[in-house]
């Protein structure tokens, strides 16, 4: 369910739903049974497998901060390191 991240839209997500951010590709708000989180999804540079790292709780972390953190993780990945190890 791609779309733009907004706090109101994140609040309406049901378990199993997600919203992808158009401003920072790879950033998603995802819902689990009892929580919502920001995650960064990316392809591993060594084996091209899809990986994901949790950024924080979507109910308490501002979207702007999640975007900044994903931008930093993208820089880590660009240098050839695994973003999951940097977090």
N, C-alpha and C. Protein backbone atom coordinates (compact mmCIF):
# COMPACT_ATOMS: atom_id res chain seq x y z
N UNK A 1 0.84 -1.17 0.00
CA UNK A 1 0.00 0.00 0.00
C UNK A 1 0.89 1.24 0.00
N UNK A 2 1.58 1.51 -1.08
CA UNK A 2 2.49 2.65 -1.13
C UNK A 2 1.76 3.98 -1.00
N UNK A 3 2.41 4.92 -0.41
CA UNK A 3 1.86 6.25 -0.27
C UNK A 3 2.84 7.12 0.48
N UNK A 4 2.41 8.32 0.80
CA UNK A 4 3.28 9.23 1.51
C UNK A 4 3.05 9.10 3.00
N UNK A 5 4.09 9.24 3.77
CA UNK A 5 3.96 9.13 5.22
C UNK A 5 3.40 10.41 5.81
N UNK A 6 2.41 10.25 6.64
CA UNK A 6 1.84 11.34 7.42
C UNK A 6 1.37 10.71 8.73
N UNK A 7 1.50 11.41 9.84
CA UNK A 7 1.17 10.83 11.13
C UNK A 7 -0.27 10.34 11.18
N UNK A 8 -1.21 11.08 10.58
CA UNK A 8 -2.62 10.65 10.59
C UNK A 8 -2.80 9.35 9.82
N UNK A 9 -2.13 9.22 8.68
CA UNK A 9 -2.24 8.00 7.88
C UNK A 9 -1.63 6.81 8.62
N UNK A 10 -0.53 7.03 9.31
CA UNK A 10 0.10 5.95 10.08
C UNK A 10 -0.85 5.49 11.18
N UNK A 11 -1.55 6.41 11.80
CA UNK A 11 -2.50 6.06 12.86
C UNK A 11 -3.64 5.19 12.38
N UNK A 12 -3.98 5.26 11.10
CA UNK A 12 -5.08 4.47 10.54
C UNK A 12 -4.67 3.09 10.04
N UNK A 13 -3.38 2.80 10.06
CA UNK A 13 -2.93 1.51 9.54
C UNK A 13 -3.42 0.36 10.42
N UNK A 14 -3.81 -0.72 9.77
CA UNK A 14 -4.24 -1.94 10.44
C UNK A 14 -3.07 -2.93 10.46
N UNK A 15 -3.07 -3.92 11.36
CA UNK A 15 -1.99 -4.91 11.39
C UNK A 15 -1.76 -5.54 10.00
N UNK A 16 -0.50 -5.58 9.61
CA UNK A 16 -0.13 -6.12 8.30
C UNK A 16 -0.02 -5.07 7.21
N UNK A 17 -0.53 -3.86 7.45
CA UNK A 17 -0.45 -2.77 6.47
C UNK A 17 0.89 -2.06 6.58
N UNK A 18 1.23 -1.32 5.53
CA UNK A 18 2.42 -0.48 5.55
C UNK A 18 2.20 0.72 4.65
N UNK A 19 3.00 1.74 4.88
CA UNK A 19 3.06 2.91 4.01
C UNK A 19 4.51 3.15 3.67
N UNK A 20 4.80 3.31 2.39
CA UNK A 20 6.16 3.63 1.95
C UNK A 20 6.27 5.13 1.78
N UNK A 21 7.40 5.67 2.14
CA UNK A 21 7.63 7.11 2.03
C UNK A 21 8.10 7.45 0.63
N UNK A 22 7.50 8.44 0.02
CA UNK A 22 7.92 8.89 -1.30
C UNK A 22 9.14 9.79 -1.24
N UNK A 23 9.31 10.46 -0.10
CA UNK A 23 10.43 11.40 0.04
C UNK A 23 11.76 10.67 0.24
N UNK A 24 11.76 9.60 1.01
CA UNK A 24 12.98 8.84 1.29
C UNK A 24 12.70 7.37 0.96
N UNK A 25 13.03 6.94 -0.26
CA UNK A 25 12.78 5.54 -0.63
C UNK A 25 13.48 4.58 0.33
N UNK A 26 12.76 3.52 0.67
CA UNK A 26 13.27 2.54 1.61
C UNK A 26 12.67 2.68 2.99
N UNK A 27 12.16 3.87 3.31
CA UNK A 27 11.52 4.09 4.61
C UNK A 27 10.06 3.66 4.54
N UNK A 28 9.65 2.87 5.52
CA UNK A 28 8.26 2.43 5.60
C UNK A 28 7.77 2.53 7.03
N UNK A 29 6.48 2.77 7.15
CA UNK A 29 5.80 2.62 8.43
C UNK A 29 5.06 1.29 8.31
N UNK A 30 5.31 0.38 9.23
CA UNK A 30 4.68 -0.95 9.19
C UNK A 30 3.92 -1.18 10.50
N UNK A 31 2.90 -2.03 10.41
CA UNK A 31 2.15 -2.35 11.61
C UNK A 31 2.26 -3.84 11.90
N UNK A 32 2.38 -4.13 13.16
CA UNK A 32 2.39 -5.49 13.66
C UNK A 32 1.12 -5.65 14.48
N UNK A 33 0.97 -6.72 15.20
CA UNK A 33 -0.26 -6.96 15.96
C UNK A 33 -0.59 -5.82 16.94
N UNK A 34 0.42 -5.37 17.68
CA UNK A 34 0.15 -4.37 18.72
C UNK A 34 1.07 -3.16 18.65
N UNK A 35 1.75 -2.98 17.54
CA UNK A 35 2.67 -1.83 17.46
C UNK A 35 2.84 -1.38 16.01
N UNK A 36 3.40 -0.20 15.88
CA UNK A 36 3.73 0.39 14.58
C UNK A 36 5.19 0.83 14.64
N UNK A 37 5.91 0.60 13.56
CA UNK A 37 7.34 0.93 13.57
C UNK A 37 7.75 1.51 12.23
N UNK A 38 8.84 2.29 12.28
CA UNK A 38 9.51 2.73 11.06
C UNK A 38 10.60 1.72 10.76
N UNK A 39 10.71 1.32 9.49
CA UNK A 39 11.76 0.40 9.08
C UNK A 39 12.43 0.92 7.81
N UNK A 40 13.67 0.52 7.64
CA UNK A 40 14.42 0.82 6.42
C UNK A 40 14.63 -0.50 5.70
N UNK A 41 14.12 -0.62 4.48
CA UNK A 41 14.29 -1.82 3.66
C UNK A 41 15.30 -1.52 2.56
N UNK A 42 16.21 -2.46 2.34
CA UNK A 42 17.27 -2.25 1.36
C UNK A 42 17.75 -3.60 0.84
N UNK A 43 18.47 -3.56 -0.26
CA UNK A 43 19.07 -4.77 -0.83
C UNK A 43 20.51 -4.87 -0.35
N UNK A 44 20.89 -6.05 0.10
CA UNK A 44 22.25 -6.32 0.53
C UNK A 44 23.17 -6.21 -0.69
N UNK A 45 24.26 -5.48 -0.56
CA UNK A 45 25.17 -5.27 -1.68
C UNK A 45 25.93 -6.54 -2.07
N UNK A 46 26.07 -7.49 -1.14
CA UNK A 46 26.83 -8.71 -1.42
C UNK A 46 26.00 -9.78 -2.12
N UNK A 47 24.77 -9.98 -1.66
CA UNK A 47 23.97 -11.07 -2.22
C UNK A 47 22.62 -10.64 -2.79
N UNK A 48 22.35 -9.37 -2.84
CA UNK A 48 21.13 -8.79 -3.41
C UNK A 48 19.86 -9.24 -2.69
N UNK A 49 19.97 -9.73 -1.47
CA UNK A 49 18.79 -10.11 -0.70
C UNK A 49 18.18 -8.89 -0.03
N UNK A 50 16.85 -8.91 0.08
CA UNK A 50 16.14 -7.83 0.73
C UNK A 50 16.32 -7.95 2.24
N UNK A 51 16.73 -6.85 2.87
CA UNK A 51 16.92 -6.81 4.32
C UNK A 51 16.17 -5.62 4.88
N UNK A 52 16.04 -5.61 6.19
CA UNK A 52 15.30 -4.55 6.85
C UNK A 52 15.87 -4.30 8.23
N UNK A 53 15.89 -3.04 8.62
CA UNK A 53 16.30 -2.67 9.97
C UNK A 53 15.22 -1.76 10.56
N UNK A 54 14.86 -2.01 11.80
CA UNK A 54 13.85 -1.20 12.47
C UNK A 54 14.50 0.09 12.98
N UNK A 55 13.86 1.20 12.67
CA UNK A 55 14.36 2.53 13.04
C UNK A 55 13.82 2.93 14.41
N UNK A 56 12.54 2.72 14.64
CA UNK A 56 11.94 3.10 15.92
C UNK A 56 10.44 3.00 15.91
N UNK A 57 9.84 3.32 17.02
CA UNK A 57 8.40 3.25 17.21
C UNK A 57 7.72 4.40 16.45
N UNK A 58 6.82 4.06 15.55
CA UNK A 58 6.18 5.07 14.71
C UNK A 58 5.20 5.94 15.48
N UNK A 59 4.80 5.51 16.67
CA UNK A 59 3.88 6.34 17.45
C UNK A 59 4.60 7.42 18.25
N UNK A 60 5.92 7.26 18.44
CA UNK A 60 6.64 8.26 19.23
C UNK A 60 7.77 8.96 18.47
N UNK A 61 8.29 8.36 17.41
CA UNK A 61 9.38 8.95 16.64
C UNK A 61 8.81 9.83 15.53
N UNK A 62 9.18 11.10 15.48
CA UNK A 62 8.69 11.97 14.41
C UNK A 62 9.16 11.47 13.03
N UNK A 63 8.31 11.65 12.04
CA UNK A 63 8.62 11.20 10.67
C UNK A 63 9.92 11.84 10.18
N UNK A 64 10.12 13.11 10.47
CA UNK A 64 11.34 13.80 10.03
C UNK A 64 12.60 13.14 10.61
N UNK A 65 12.52 12.70 11.86
CA UNK A 65 13.66 12.03 12.48
C UNK A 65 13.90 10.66 11.84
N UNK A 66 12.83 9.94 11.54
CA UNK A 66 12.96 8.64 10.87
C UNK A 66 13.61 8.83 9.50
N UNK A 67 13.21 9.87 8.78
CA UNK A 67 13.81 10.15 7.47
C UNK A 67 15.30 10.45 7.61
N UNK A 68 15.66 11.24 8.60
CA UNK A 68 17.08 11.55 8.83
C UNK A 68 17.89 10.29 9.13
N UNK A 69 17.33 9.41 9.94
CA UNK A 69 18.03 8.19 10.30
C UNK A 69 18.21 7.27 9.08
N UNK A 70 17.19 7.20 8.23
CA UNK A 70 17.31 6.38 7.02
C UNK A 70 18.34 6.98 6.07
N UNK A 71 18.36 8.29 5.95
CA UNK A 71 19.39 8.92 5.10
C UNK A 71 20.79 8.58 5.60
N UNK A 72 20.97 8.57 6.91
CA UNK A 72 22.28 8.21 7.49
C UNK A 72 22.60 6.75 7.19
N UNK A 73 21.63 5.86 7.30
CA UNK A 73 21.85 4.45 7.01
C UNK A 73 22.14 4.22 5.52
N UNK A 74 21.55 5.03 4.68
CA UNK A 74 21.84 4.94 3.24
C UNK A 74 23.30 5.31 2.96
N UNK A 75 23.81 6.29 3.70
CA UNK A 75 25.22 6.67 3.55
C UNK A 75 26.13 5.52 4.00
N UNK A 76 25.75 4.85 5.07
CA UNK A 76 26.50 3.69 5.55
C UNK A 76 26.52 2.61 4.48
N UNK A 77 25.37 2.33 3.90
CA UNK A 77 25.26 1.31 2.86
C UNK A 77 26.08 1.69 1.63
N UNK A 78 26.06 2.96 1.28
CA UNK A 78 26.80 3.43 0.10
C UNK A 78 28.31 3.22 0.29
N UNK A 79 28.78 3.28 1.53
CA UNK A 79 30.19 3.04 1.82
C UNK A 79 30.54 1.54 1.80
N UNK A 80 29.51 0.68 1.63
CA UNK A 80 29.73 -0.74 1.54
C UNK A 80 29.50 -1.51 2.84
N UNK A 81 29.07 -0.82 3.89
CA UNK A 81 28.83 -1.48 5.17
C UNK A 81 27.35 -1.89 5.29
N UNK A 82 27.09 -2.84 6.17
CA UNK A 82 25.72 -3.30 6.40
C UNK A 82 25.03 -2.33 7.37
N UNK A 83 23.94 -1.70 6.97
CA UNK A 83 23.24 -0.76 7.86
C UNK A 83 22.77 -1.39 9.16
N UNK A 84 22.49 -2.69 9.18
CA UNK A 84 22.05 -3.32 10.42
C UNK A 84 23.15 -3.33 11.47
N UNK A 85 24.40 -3.38 11.04
CA UNK A 85 25.52 -3.36 11.99
C UNK A 85 25.77 -1.95 12.52
N UNK A 86 25.37 -0.95 11.76
CA UNK A 86 25.59 0.44 12.17
C UNK A 86 24.54 0.92 13.15
N UNK A 87 23.46 0.18 13.30
CA UNK A 87 22.35 0.61 14.13
C UNK A 87 22.39 0.01 15.50
